[in-house]
């Protein structure tokens, strides 16, 4: 049985923020809005029951992990950084992350 308790763990929220910071810096952004991590956590919270059902249907070796979710955070922040850059900004906003989330909807687990 899959265990996705890490999704709602306060320490995971800190890991999300760290990953947002890293990904934004790697994309050449000078800043990011700290509310981005809260936004991503809210997406996870709203999808957790559905993700748990999906993961329980898989065999253990196919179940995804916290590391998979953090890779997805990177993908979303990288995409959001592209939007910020295209707008001539060096700061990633919540609006950028929302646009990235919509563009990548159901393409990056567990953000669906």
PDB file of N, CA and C in Angstrom:
ATOM      1  N   UNK A   1       0.841  -1.180   0.000  1.00  0.00           N
ATOM      2  CA  UNK A   1       0.000   0.000   0.000  1.00  0.00           C
ATOM      3  C   UNK A   1       0.884   1.241   0.000  1.00  0.00           C
ATOM      4  N   UNK A   2       0.571   2.194  -0.858  1.00  0.00           N
ATOM      5  CA  UNK A   2       1.346   3.428  -0.976  1.00  0.00           C
ATOM      6  C   UNK A   2       1.153   4.295   0.258  1.00  0.00           C
ATOM      7  N   UNK A   3       2.209   4.974   0.610  1.00  0.00           N
ATOM      8  CA  UNK A   3       2.158   5.895   1.731  1.00  0.00           C
ATOM      9  C   UNK A   3       2.571   7.270   1.213  1.00  0.00           C
ATOM     10  N   UNK A   4       1.619   8.167   1.130  1.00  0.00           N
ATOM     11  CA  UNK A   4       1.890   9.516   0.645  1.00  0.00           C
ATOM     12  C   UNK A   4       1.809  10.543   1.769  1.00  0.00           C
ATOM     13  N   UNK A   5       2.032  10.099   3.000  1.00  0.00           N
ATOM     14  CA  UNK A   5       1.981  11.007   4.139  1.00  0.00           C
ATOM     15  C   UNK A   5       2.982  12.147   4.007  1.00  0.00           C
ATOM     16  N   UNK A   6       4.077  11.903   3.316  1.00  0.00           N
ATOM     17  CA  UNK A   6       5.082  12.942   3.131  1.00  0.00           C
ATOM     18  C   UNK A   6       4.512  14.166   2.432  1.00  0.00           C
ATOM     19  N   UNK A   7       3.422  13.989   1.664  1.00  0.00           N
ATOM     20  CA  UNK A   7       2.821  15.127   0.961  1.00  0.00           C
ATOM     21  C   UNK A   7       2.332  16.212   1.924  1.00  0.00           C
ATOM     22  N   UNK A   8       1.885  15.816   3.085  1.00  0.00           N
ATOM     23  CA  UNK A   8       1.361  16.787   4.042  1.00  0.00           C
ATOM     24  C   UNK A   8       2.311  17.032   5.217  1.00  0.00           C
ATOM     25  N   UNK A   9       3.516  16.524   5.134  1.00  0.00           N
ATOM     26  CA  UNK A   9       4.519  16.712   6.181  1.00  0.00           C
ATOM     27  C   UNK A   9       5.085  18.133   6.098  1.00  0.00           C
ATOM     28  N   UNK A  10       5.137  18.871   7.215  1.00  0.00           N
ATOM     29  CA  UNK A  10       5.700  20.223   7.205  1.00  0.00           C
ATOM     30  C   UNK A  10       7.141  20.271   6.683  1.00  0.00           C
ATOM     31  N   UNK A  11       7.904  19.214   6.908  1.00  0.00           N
ATOM     32  CA  UNK A  11       9.272  19.177   6.386  1.00  0.00           C
ATOM     33  C   UNK A  11       9.285  19.109   4.863  1.00  0.00           C
ATOM     34  N   UNK A  12       8.283  18.461   4.283  1.00  0.00           N
ATOM     35  CA  UNK A  12       8.211  18.400   2.821  1.00  0.00           C
ATOM     36  C   UNK A  12       7.927  19.785   2.250  1.00  0.00           C
ATOM     37  N   UNK A  13       7.151  20.573   2.947  1.00  0.00           N
ATOM     38  CA  UNK A  13       6.884  21.958   2.519  1.00  0.00           C
ATOM     39  C   UNK A  13       8.202  22.726   2.438  1.00  0.00           C
ATOM     40  N   UNK A  14       9.096  22.485   3.380  1.00  0.00           N
ATOM     41  CA  UNK A  14      10.412  23.128   3.370  1.00  0.00           C
ATOM     42  C   UNK A  14      11.236  22.624   2.182  1.00  0.00           C
ATOM     43  N   UNK A  15      11.134  21.329   1.894  1.00  0.00           N
ATOM     44  CA  UNK A  15      11.841  20.768   0.741  1.00  0.00           C
ATOM     45  C   UNK A  15      11.321  21.365  -0.569  1.00  0.00           C
ATOM     46  N   UNK A  16      10.026  21.597  -0.639  1.00  0.00           N
ATOM     47  CA  UNK A  16       9.462  22.241  -1.829  1.00  0.00           C
ATOM     48  C   UNK A  16      10.080  23.622  -1.994  1.00  0.00           C
ATOM     49  N   UNK A  17      10.118  24.387  -0.912  1.00  0.00           N
ATOM     50  CA  UNK A  17      10.681  25.739  -0.973  1.00  0.00           C
ATOM     51  C   UNK A  17      12.147  25.705  -1.410  1.00  0.00           C
ATOM     52  N   UNK A  18      12.902  24.761  -0.891  1.00  0.00           N
ATOM     53  CA  UNK A  18      14.310  24.621  -1.271  1.00  0.00           C
ATOM     54  C   UNK A  18      14.432  24.304  -2.754  1.00  0.00           C
ATOM     55  N   UNK A  19      13.581  23.408  -3.233  1.00  0.00           N
ATOM     56  CA  UNK A  19      13.622  23.025  -4.649  1.00  0.00           C
ATOM     57  C   UNK A  19      13.211  24.190  -5.544  1.00  0.00           C
ATOM     58  N   UNK A  20      12.226  24.969  -5.110  1.00  0.00           N
ATOM     59  CA  UNK A  20      11.809  26.162  -5.869  1.00  0.00           C
ATOM     60  C   UNK A  20      12.993  27.117  -5.972  1.00  0.00           C
ATOM     61  N   UNK A  21      13.671  27.340  -4.870  1.00  0.00           N
ATOM     62  CA  UNK A  21      14.816  28.246  -4.848  1.00  0.00           C
ATOM     63  C   UNK A  21      15.914  27.780  -5.800  1.00  0.00           C
ATOM     64  N   UNK A  22      16.241  26.510  -5.733  1.00  0.00           N
ATOM     65  CA  UNK A  22      17.285  25.950  -6.608  1.00  0.00           C
ATOM     66  C   UNK A  22      16.917  26.071  -8.078  1.00  0.00           C
ATOM     67  N   UNK A  23      15.709  25.653  -8.398  1.00  0.00           N
ATOM     68  CA  UNK A  23      15.284  25.650  -9.803  1.00  0.00           C
ATOM     69  C   UNK A  23      15.217  27.062 -10.366  1.00  0.00           C
ATOM     70  N   UNK A  24      14.724  28.000  -9.571  1.00  0.00           N
ATOM     71  CA  UNK A  24      14.647  29.395 -10.034  1.00  0.00           C
ATOM     72  C   UNK A  24      16.057  29.944 -10.276  1.00  0.00           C
ATOM     73  N   UNK A  25      16.967  29.667  -9.366  1.00  0.00           N
ATOM     74  CA  UNK A  25      18.349  30.141  -9.528  1.00  0.00           C
ATOM     75  C   UNK A  25      18.994  29.511 -10.757  1.00  0.00           C
ATOM     76  N   UNK A  26      18.787  28.217 -10.963  1.00  0.00           N
ATOM     77  CA  UNK A  26      19.363  27.549 -12.129  1.00  0.00           C
ATOM     78  C   UNK A  26      18.791  28.094 -13.432  1.00  0.00           C
ATOM     79  N   UNK A  27      17.578  28.609 -13.368  1.00  0.00           N
ATOM     80  CA  UNK A  27      16.953  29.179 -14.560  1.00  0.00           C
ATOM     81  C   UNK A  27      17.331  30.649 -14.749  1.00  0.00           C
ATOM     82  N   UNK A  28      18.199  31.155 -13.885  1.00  0.00           N
ATOM     83  CA  UNK A  28      18.667  32.527 -14.026  1.00  0.00           C
ATOM     84  C   UNK A  28      17.791  33.578 -13.365  1.00  0.00           C
ATOM     85  N   UNK A  29      16.868  33.134 -12.548  1.00  0.00           N
ATOM     86  CA  UNK A  29      16.001  34.073 -11.850  1.00  0.00           C
ATOM     87  C   UNK A  29      16.714  34.611 -10.613  1.00  0.00           C
ATOM     88  N   UNK A  30      16.506  35.883 -10.321  1.00  0.00           N
ATOM     89  CA  UNK A  30      17.129  36.492  -9.150  1.00  0.00           C
ATOM     90  C   UNK A  30      16.289  36.298  -7.889  1.00  0.00           C
ATOM     91  N   UNK A  31      14.969  36.158  -8.076  1.00  0.00           N
ATOM     92  CA  UNK A  31      14.071  36.008  -6.935  1.00  0.00           C
ATOM     93  C   UNK A  31      12.891  35.132  -7.332  1.00  0.00           C
ATOM     94  N   UNK A  32      12.175  34.719  -6.304  1.00  0.00           N
ATOM     95  CA  UNK A  32      10.904  34.036  -6.511  1.00  0.00           C
ATOM     96  C   UNK A  32      10.012  34.397  -5.343  1.00  0.00           C
ATOM     97  N   UNK A  33       8.730  34.374  -5.575  1.00  0.00           N
ATOM     98  CA  UNK A  33       7.780  34.665  -4.499  1.00  0.00           C
ATOM     99  C   UNK A  33       7.678  33.445  -3.599  1.00  0.00           C
ATOM    100  N   UNK A  34       7.824  33.662  -2.307  1.00  0.00           N
ATOM    101  CA  UNK A  34       7.791  32.553  -1.351  1.00  0.00           C
ATOM    102  C   UNK A  34       6.432  31.860  -1.346  1.00  0.00           C
ATOM    103  N   UNK A  35       5.400  32.526  -1.781  1.00  0.00           N
ATOM    104  CA  UNK A  35       4.066  31.922  -1.832  1.00  0.00           C
ATOM    105  C   UNK A  35       3.981  30.807  -2.872  1.00  0.00           C
ATOM    106  N   UNK A  36       4.964  30.694  -3.742  1.00  0.00           N
ATOM    107  CA  UNK A  36       4.963  29.622  -4.746  1.00  0.00           C
ATOM    108  C   UNK A  36       4.940  28.256  -4.058  1.00  0.00           C
ATOM    109  N   UNK A  37       5.741  28.073  -3.028  1.00  0.00           N
ATOM    110  CA  UNK A  37       5.768  26.786  -2.322  1.00  0.00           C
ATOM    111  C   UNK A  37       4.407  26.498  -1.691  1.00  0.00           C
ATOM    112  N   UNK A  38       3.758  27.521  -1.170  1.00  0.00           N
ATOM    113  CA  UNK A  38       2.409  27.333  -0.605  1.00  0.00           C
ATOM    114  C   UNK A  38       1.424  26.916  -1.695  1.00  0.00           C
ATOM    115  N   UNK A  39       1.547  27.539  -2.850  1.00  0.00           N
ATOM    116  CA  UNK A  39       0.664  27.211  -3.977  1.00  0.00           C
ATOM    117  C   UNK A  39       0.865  25.763  -4.398  1.00  0.00           C
ATOM    118  N   UNK A  40       2.117  25.348  -4.536  1.00  0.00           N
ATOM    119  CA  UNK A  40       2.395  23.965  -4.920  1.00  0.00           C
ATOM    120  C   UNK A  40       1.906  22.988  -3.854  1.00  0.00           C
ATOM    121  N   UNK A  41       2.092  23.334  -2.585  1.00  0.00           N
ATOM    122  CA  UNK A  41       1.601  22.471  -1.508  1.00  0.00           C
ATOM    123  C   UNK A  41       0.086  22.354  -1.564  1.00  0.00           C
ATOM    124  N   UNK A  42      -0.608  23.433  -1.881  1.00  0.00           N
ATOM    125  CA  UNK A  42      -2.076  23.364  -1.965  1.00  0.00           C
ATOM    126  C   UNK A  42      -2.515  22.471  -3.121  1.00  0.00           C
ATOM    127  N   UNK A  43      -1.767  22.502  -4.239  1.00  0.00           N
ATOM    128  CA  UNK A  43      -2.072  21.588  -5.346  1.00  0.00           C
ATOM    129  C   UNK A  43      -1.919  20.142  -4.885  1.00  0.00           C
ATOM    130  N   UNK A  44      -0.859  19.875  -4.139  1.00  0.00           N
ATOM    131  CA  UNK A  44      -0.637  18.520  -3.629  1.00  0.00           C
ATOM    132  C   UNK A  44      -1.730  18.101  -2.658  1.00  0.00           C
ATOM    133  N   UNK A  45      -2.092  19.001  -1.762  1.00  0.00           N
ATOM    134  CA  UNK A  45      -3.120  18.687  -0.774  1.00  0.00           C
ATOM    135  C   UNK A  45      -4.444  18.347  -1.446  1.00  0.00           C
ATOM    136  N   UNK A  46      -4.776  19.083  -2.496  1.00  0.00           N
ATOM    137  CA  UNK A  46      -6.065  18.842  -3.152  1.00  0.00           C
ATOM    138  C   UNK A  46      -6.072  17.552  -3.971  1.00  0.00           C
ATOM    139  N   UNK A  47      -4.899  17.112  -4.416  1.00  0.00           N
ATOM    140  CA  UNK A  47      -4.847  15.908  -5.253  1.00  0.00           C
ATOM    141  C   UNK A  47      -4.452  14.657  -4.469  1.00  0.00           C
ATOM    142  N   UNK A  48      -4.117  14.793  -3.204  1.00  0.00           N
ATOM    143  CA  UNK A  48      -3.601  13.663  -2.423  1.00  0.00           C
ATOM    144  C   UNK A  48      -4.514  12.440  -2.404  1.00  0.00           C
ATOM    145  N   UNK A  49      -5.812  12.578  -2.137  1.00  0.00           N
ATOM    146  CA  UNK A  49      -6.659  11.371  -2.115  1.00  0.00           C
ATOM    147  C   UNK A  49      -6.656  10.617  -3.456  1.00  0.00           C
ATOM    148  N   UNK A  50      -6.704  11.365  -4.545  1.00  0.00           N
ATOM    149  CA  UNK A  50      -6.701  10.743  -5.875  1.00  0.00           C
ATOM    150  C   UNK A  50      -5.356  10.071  -6.143  1.00  0.00           C
ATOM    151  N   UNK A  51      -4.257  10.736  -5.764  1.00  0.00           N
ATOM    152  CA  UNK A  51      -2.924  10.166  -5.960  1.00  0.00           C
ATOM    153  C   UNK A  51      -2.756   8.878  -5.161  1.00  0.00           C
ATOM    154  N   UNK A  52      -3.288   8.863  -3.949  1.00  0.00           N
ATOM    155  CA  UNK A  52      -3.180   7.672  -3.102  1.00  0.00           C
ATOM    156  C   UNK A  52      -3.885   6.489  -3.757  1.00  0.00           C
ATOM    157  N   UNK A  53      -5.070   6.708  -4.296  1.00  0.00           N
ATOM    158  CA  UNK A  53      -5.788   5.635  -4.992  1.00  0.00           C
ATOM    159  C   UNK A  53      -4.984   5.121  -6.185  1.00  0.00           C
ATOM    160  N   UNK A  54      -4.447   6.039  -6.965  1.00  0.00           N
ATOM    161  CA  UNK A  54      -3.677   5.646  -8.144  1.00  0.00           C
ATOM    162  C   UNK A  54      -2.434   4.851  -7.767  1.00  0.00           C
ATOM    163  N   UNK A  55      -1.718   5.322  -6.752  1.00  0.00           N
ATOM    164  CA  UNK A  55      -0.490   4.653  -6.357  1.00  0.00           C
ATOM    165  C   UNK A  55      -0.766   3.283  -5.740  1.00  0.00           C
ATOM    166  N   UNK A  56      -1.891   3.137  -5.057  1.00  0.00           N
ATOM    167  CA  UNK A  56      -2.241   1.850  -4.460  1.00  0.00           C
ATOM    168  C   UNK A  56      -2.563   0.800  -5.518  1.00  0.00           C
ATOM    169  N   UNK A  57      -2.910   1.219  -6.703  1.00  0.00           N
ATOM    170  CA  UNK A  57      -3.206   0.289  -7.787  1.00  0.00           C
ATOM    171  C   UNK A  57      -1.939  -0.268  -8.428  1.00  0.00           C
ATOM    172  N   UNK A  58      -0.811   0.365  -8.150  1.00  0.00           N
ATOM    173  CA  UNK A  58       0.453  -0.043  -8.758  1.00  0.00           C
ATOM    174  C   UNK A  58       1.184  -1.023  -7.858  1.00  0.00           C
ATOM    175  N   UNK A  59       2.048  -1.805  -8.470  1.00  0.00           N
ATOM    176  CA  UNK A  59       2.910  -2.660  -7.659  1.00  0.00           C
ATOM    177  C   UNK A  59       3.974  -1.764  -7.017  1.00  0.00           C
ATOM    178  N   UNK A  60       4.541  -2.218  -5.926  1.00  0.00           N
ATOM    179  CA  UNK A  60       5.467  -1.400  -5.133  1.00  0.00           C
ATOM    180  C   UNK A  60       6.600  -0.809  -5.962  1.00  0.00           C
ATOM    181  N   UNK A  61       7.154  -1.564  -6.881  1.00  0.00           N
ATOM    182  CA  UNK A  61       8.295  -1.078  -7.665  1.00  0.00           C
ATOM    183  C   UNK A  61       7.914   0.043  -8.640  1.00  0.00           C
ATOM    184  N   UNK A  62       6.628   0.217  -8.901  1.00  0.00           N
ATOM    185  CA  UNK A  62       6.173   1.263  -9.823  1.00  0.00           C
ATOM    186  C   UNK A  62       5.641   2.494  -9.095  1.00  0.00           C
ATOM    187  N   UNK A  63       5.510   2.407  -7.781  1.00  0.00           N
ATOM    188  CA  UNK A  63       4.973   3.532  -7.029  1.00  0.00           C
ATOM    189  C   UNK A  63       5.979   4.677  -7.012  1.00  0.00           C
ATOM    190  N   UNK A  64       5.447   5.881  -7.058  1.00  0.00           N
ATOM    191  CA  UNK A  64       6.298   7.062  -7.100  1.00  0.00           C
ATOM    192  C   UNK A  64       6.589   7.561  -5.694  1.00  0.00           C
ATOM    193  N   UNK A  65       7.609   8.406  -5.613  1.00  0.00           N
ATOM    194  CA  UNK A  65       8.107   8.822  -4.308  1.00  0.00           C
ATOM    195  C   UNK A  65       8.152  10.343  -4.169  1.00  0.00           C
ATOM    196  N   UNK A  66       8.584  10.755  -3.000  1.00  0.00           N
ATOM    197  CA  UNK A  66       8.779  12.169  -2.724  1.00  0.00           C
ATOM    198  C   UNK A  66       9.788  12.764  -3.709  1.00  0.00           C
ATOM    199  N   UNK A  67      10.809  12.005  -4.056  1.00  0.00           N
ATOM    200  CA  UNK A  67      11.818  12.494  -5.001  1.00  0.00           C
ATOM    201  C   UNK A  67      11.203  12.753  -6.378  1.00  0.00           C
ATOM    202  N   UNK A  68      10.251  11.915  -6.774  1.00  0.00           N
ATOM    203  CA  UNK A  68       9.544  12.142  -8.036  1.00  0.00           C
ATOM    204  C   UNK A  68       8.773  13.463  -7.973  1.00  0.00           C
ATOM    205  N   UNK A  69       8.145  13.720  -6.845  1.00  0.00           N
ATOM    206  CA  UNK A  69       7.389  14.973  -6.674  1.00  0.00           C
ATOM    207  C   UNK A  69       8.324  16.177  -6.708  1.00  0.00           C
ATOM    208  N   UNK A  70       9.485  16.066  -6.091  1.00  0.00           N
ATOM    209  CA  UNK A  70      10.441  17.180  -6.108  1.00  0.00           C
ATOM    210  C   UNK A  70      10.973  17.432  -7.516  1.00  0.00           C
ATOM    211  N   UNK A  71      11.167  16.372  -8.295  1.00  0.00           N
ATOM    212  CA  UNK A  71      11.554  16.562  -9.701  1.00  0.00           C
ATOM    213  C   UNK A  71      10.461  17.317 -10.452  1.00  0.00           C
ATOM    214  N   UNK A  72       9.221  17.022 -10.129  1.00  0.00           N
ATOM    215  CA  UNK A  72       8.103  17.716 -10.765  1.00  0.00           C
ATOM    216  C   UNK A  72       8.065  19.190 -10.363  1.00  0.00           C
ATOM    217  N   UNK A  73       8.399  19.475  -9.116  1.00  0.00           N
ATOM    218  CA  UNK A  73       8.498  20.874  -8.675  1.00  0.00           C
ATOM    219  C   UNK A  73       9.518  21.599  -9.557  1.00  0.00           C
ATOM    220  N   UNK A  74      10.659  20.954  -9.787  1.00  0.00           N
ATOM    221  CA  UNK A  74      11.694  21.547 -10.651  1.00  0.00           C
ATOM    222  C   UNK A  74      11.169  21.842 -12.046  1.00  0.00           C
ATOM    223  N   UNK A  75      10.439  20.878 -12.603  1.00  0.00           N
ATOM    224  CA  UNK A  75       9.879  21.061 -13.953  1.00  0.00           C
ATOM    225  C   UNK A  75       8.937  22.267 -13.973  1.00  0.00           C
ATOM    226  N   UNK A  76       8.067  22.358 -12.978  1.00  0.00           N
ATOM    227  CA  UNK A  76       7.109  23.466 -12.936  1.00  0.00           C
ATOM    228  C   UNK A  76       7.803  24.813 -12.744  1.00  0.00           C
ATOM    229  N   UNK A  77       8.794  24.866 -11.877  1.00  0.00           N
ATOM    230  CA  UNK A  77       9.499  26.134 -11.635  1.00  0.00           C
ATOM    231  C   UNK A  77      10.325  26.534 -12.860  1.00  0.00           C
ATOM    232  N   UNK A  78      10.913  25.570 -13.524  1.00  0.00           N
ATOM    233  CA  UNK A  78      11.660  25.865 -14.752  1.00  0.00           C
ATOM    234  C   UNK A  78      10.729  26.452 -15.806  1.00  0.00           C
ATOM    235  N   UNK A  79       9.561  25.851 -15.953  1.00  0.00           N
ATOM    236  CA  UNK A  79       8.566  26.367 -16.901  1.00  0.00           C
ATOM    237  C   UNK A  79       8.110  27.764 -16.480  1.00  0.00           C
ATOM    238  N   UNK A  80       7.835  27.942 -15.208  1.00  0.00           N
ATOM    239  CA  UNK A  80       7.404  29.249 -14.701  1.00  0.00           C
ATOM    240  C   UNK A  80       8.494  30.300 -14.920  1.00  0.00           C
ATOM    241  N   UNK A  81       9.741  29.908 -14.781  1.00  0.00           N
ATOM    242  CA  UNK A  81      10.858  30.832 -15.008  1.00  0.00           C
ATOM    243  C   UNK A  81      10.914  31.277 -16.465  1.00  0.00           C
ATOM    244  N   UNK A  82      10.548  30.391 -17.354  1.00  0.00           N
ATOM    245  CA  UNK A  82      10.490  30.759 -18.779  1.00  0.00           C
ATOM    246  C   UNK A  82       9.452  31.847 -19.001  1.00  0.00           C
ATOM    247  N   UNK A  83       8.319  31.732 -18.338  1.00  0.00           N
ATOM    248  CA  UNK A  83       7.281  32.761 -18.461  1.00  0.00           C
ATOM    249  C   UNK A  83       7.771  34.095 -17.911  1.00  0.00           C
ATOM    250  N   UNK A  84       8.436  34.048 -16.765  1.00  0.00           N
ATOM    251  CA  UNK A  84       8.969  35.277 -16.169  1.00  0.00           C
ATOM    252  C   UNK A  84      10.000  35.911 -17.098  1.00  0.00           C
ATOM    253  N   UNK A  85      10.875  35.085 -17.626  1.00  0.00           N
ATOM    254  CA  UNK A  85      11.910  35.584 -18.532  1.00  0.00           C
ATOM    255  C   UNK A  85      11.294  36.186 -19.796  1.00  0.00           C
ATOM    256  N   UNK A  86      10.290  35.516 -20.352  1.00  0.00           N
ATOM    257  CA  UNK A  86       9.625  36.019 -21.553  1.00  0.00           C
ATOM    258  C   UNK A  86       8.951  37.369 -21.290  1.00  0.00           C
ATOM    259  N   UNK A  87       8.553  37.601 -20.047  1.00  0.00           N
ATOM    260  CA  UNK A  87       7.925  38.872 -19.672  1.00  0.00           C
ATOM    261  C   UNK A  87       8.967  39.918 -19.267  1.00  0.00           C
ATOM    262  N   UNK A  88      10.242  39.542 -19.369  1.00  0.00           N
ATOM    263  CA  UNK A  88      11.315  40.474 -19.052  1.00  0.00           C
ATOM    264  C   UNK A  88      11.575  40.636 -17.560  1.00  0.00           C
ATOM    265  N   UNK A  89      11.180  39.637 -16.789  1.00  0.00           N
ATOM    266  CA  UNK A  89      11.368  39.701 -15.340  1.00  0.00           C
ATOM    267  C   UNK A  89      12.430  38.718 -14.885  1.00  0.00           C
ATOM    268  N   UNK A  90      13.016  39.019 -13.745  1.00  0.00           N
ATOM    269  CA  UNK A  90      13.982  38.129 -13.099  1.00  0.00           C
ATOM    270  C   UNK A  90      13.415  37.593 -11.786  1.00  0.00           C
ATOM    271  N   UNK A  91      12.095  37.654 -11.665  1.00  0.00           N
ATOM    272  CA  UNK A  91      11.420  37.152 -10.468  1.00  0.00           C
ATOM    273  C   UNK A  91      10.270  36.248 -10.899  1.00  0.00           C
ATOM    274  N   UNK A  92      10.190  35.093 -10.298  1.00  0.00           N
ATOM    275  CA  UNK A  92       9.118  34.142 -10.600  1.00  0.00           C
ATOM    276  C   UNK A  92       7.961  34.425  -9.643  1.00  0.00           C
ATOM    277  N   UNK A  93       6.772  34.560 -10.203  1.00  0.00           N
ATOM    278  CA  UNK A  93       5.600  34.888  -9.400  1.00  0.00           C
ATOM    279  C   UNK A  93       4.660  33.678  -9.285  1.00  0.00           C
ATOM    280  N   UNK A  94       3.694  33.814  -8.411  1.00  0.00           N
ATOM    281  CA  UNK A  94       2.667  32.783  -8.266  1.00  0.00           C
ATOM    282  C   UNK A  94       1.903  32.634  -9.581  1.00  0.00           C
ATOM    283  N   UNK A  95       1.675  33.753 -10.256  1.00  0.00           N
ATOM    284  CA  UNK A  95       0.974  33.691 -11.543  1.00  0.00           C
ATOM    285  C   UNK A  95       1.763  32.859 -12.551  1.00  0.00           C
ATOM    286  N   UNK A  96       3.085  32.981 -12.526  1.00  0.00           N
ATOM    287  CA  UNK A  96       3.923  32.166 -13.419  1.00  0.00           C
ATOM    288  C   UNK A  96       3.777  30.685 -13.091  1.00  0.00           C
ATOM    289  N   UNK A  97       3.772  30.356 -11.816  1.00  0.00           N
ATOM    290  CA  UNK A  97       3.658  28.945 -11.419  1.00  0.00           C
ATOM    291  C   UNK A  97       2.271  28.414 -11.760  1.00  0.00           C
ATOM    292  N   UNK A  98       1.255  29.249 -11.629  1.00  0.00           N
ATOM    293  CA  UNK A  98      -0.097  28.830 -12.007  1.00  0.00           C
ATOM    294  C   UNK A  98      -0.181  28.556 -13.507  1.00  0.00           C
ATOM    295  N   UNK A  99       0.459  29.405 -14.298  1.00  0.00           N
ATOM    296  CA  UNK A  99       0.467  29.197 -15.750  1.00  0.00           C
ATOM    297  C   UNK A  99       1.241  27.923 -16.102  1.00  0.00           C
ATOM    298  N   UNK A 100       2.350  27.686 -15.420  1.00  0.00           N
ATOM    299  CA  UNK A 100       3.127  26.462 -15.655  1.00  0.00           C
ATOM    300  C   UNK A 100       2.322  25.236 -15.265  1.00  0.00           C
ATOM    301  N   UNK A 101       1.626  25.327 -14.150  1.00  0.00           N
ATOM    302  CA  UNK A 101       0.775  24.225 -13.690  1.00  0.00           C
ATOM    303  C   UNK A 101      -0.291  23.902 -14.736  1.00  0.00           C
ATOM    304  N   UNK A 102      -0.914  24.924 -15.291  1.00  0.00           N
ATOM    305  CA  UNK A 102      -1.931  24.706 -16.328  1.00  0.00           C
ATOM    306  C   UNK A 102      -1.312  24.115 -17.588  1.00  0.00           C
ATOM    307  N   UNK A 103      -0.151  24.614 -17.970  1.00  0.00           N
ATOM    308  CA  UNK A 103       0.507  24.121 -19.184  1.00  0.00           C
ATOM    309  C   UNK A 103       0.966  22.677 -19.032  1.00  0.00           C
ATOM    310  N   UNK A 104       1.366  22.296 -17.836  1.00  0.00           N
ATOM    311  CA  UNK A 104       1.891  20.954 -17.595  1.00  0.00           C
ATOM    312  C   UNK A 104       0.887  20.063 -16.870  1.00  0.00           C
ATOM    313  N   UNK A 105      -0.361  20.490 -16.820  1.00  0.00           N
ATOM    314  CA  UNK A 105      -1.369  19.759 -16.061  1.00  0.00           C
ATOM    315  C   UNK A 105      -1.388  18.287 -16.459  1.00  0.00           C
ATOM    316  N   UNK A 106      -1.262  17.441 -15.446  1.00  0.00           N
ATOM    317  CA  UNK A 106      -1.252  15.984 -15.583  1.00  0.00           C
ATOM    318  C   UNK A 106      -0.059  15.455 -16.389  1.00  0.00           C
ATOM    319  N   UNK A 107       0.940  16.276 -16.605  1.00  0.00           N
ATOM    320  CA  UNK A 107       2.165  15.805 -17.249  1.00  0.00           C
ATOM    321  C   UNK A 107       3.264  15.562 -16.230  1.00  0.00           C
ATOM    322  N   UNK A 108       3.113  16.146 -15.044  1.00  0.00           N
ATOM    323  CA  UNK A 108       4.122  15.968 -13.993  1.00  0.00           C
ATOM    324  C   UNK A 108       3.419  15.497 -12.723  1.00  0.00           C
ATOM    325  N   UNK A 109       3.814  14.322 -12.268  1.00  0.00           N
ATOM    326  CA  UNK A 109       3.209  13.737 -11.079  1.00  0.00           C
ATOM    327  C   UNK A 109       3.779  14.423  -9.851  1.00  0.00           C
ATOM    328  N   UNK A 110       3.033  14.664  -8.848  1.00  0.00           N
ATOM    329  CA  UNK A 110       1.618  14.395  -8.582  1.00  0.00           C
ATOM    330  C   UNK A 110       0.722  15.612  -8.835  1.00  0.00           C
ATOM    331  N   UNK A 111       1.182  16.525  -9.668  1.00  0.00           N
ATOM    332  CA  UNK A 111       0.424  17.749  -9.929  1.00  0.00           C
ATOM    333  C   UNK A 111      -0.581  17.524 -11.047  1.00  0.00           C
ATOM    334  N   UNK A 112      -1.760  17.086 -10.652  1.00  0.00           N
ATOM    335  CA  UNK A 112      -2.806  16.765 -11.631  1.00  0.00           C
ATOM    336  C   UNK A 112      -4.156  16.984 -11.001  1.00  0.00           C
TER     337      UNK A 112
END
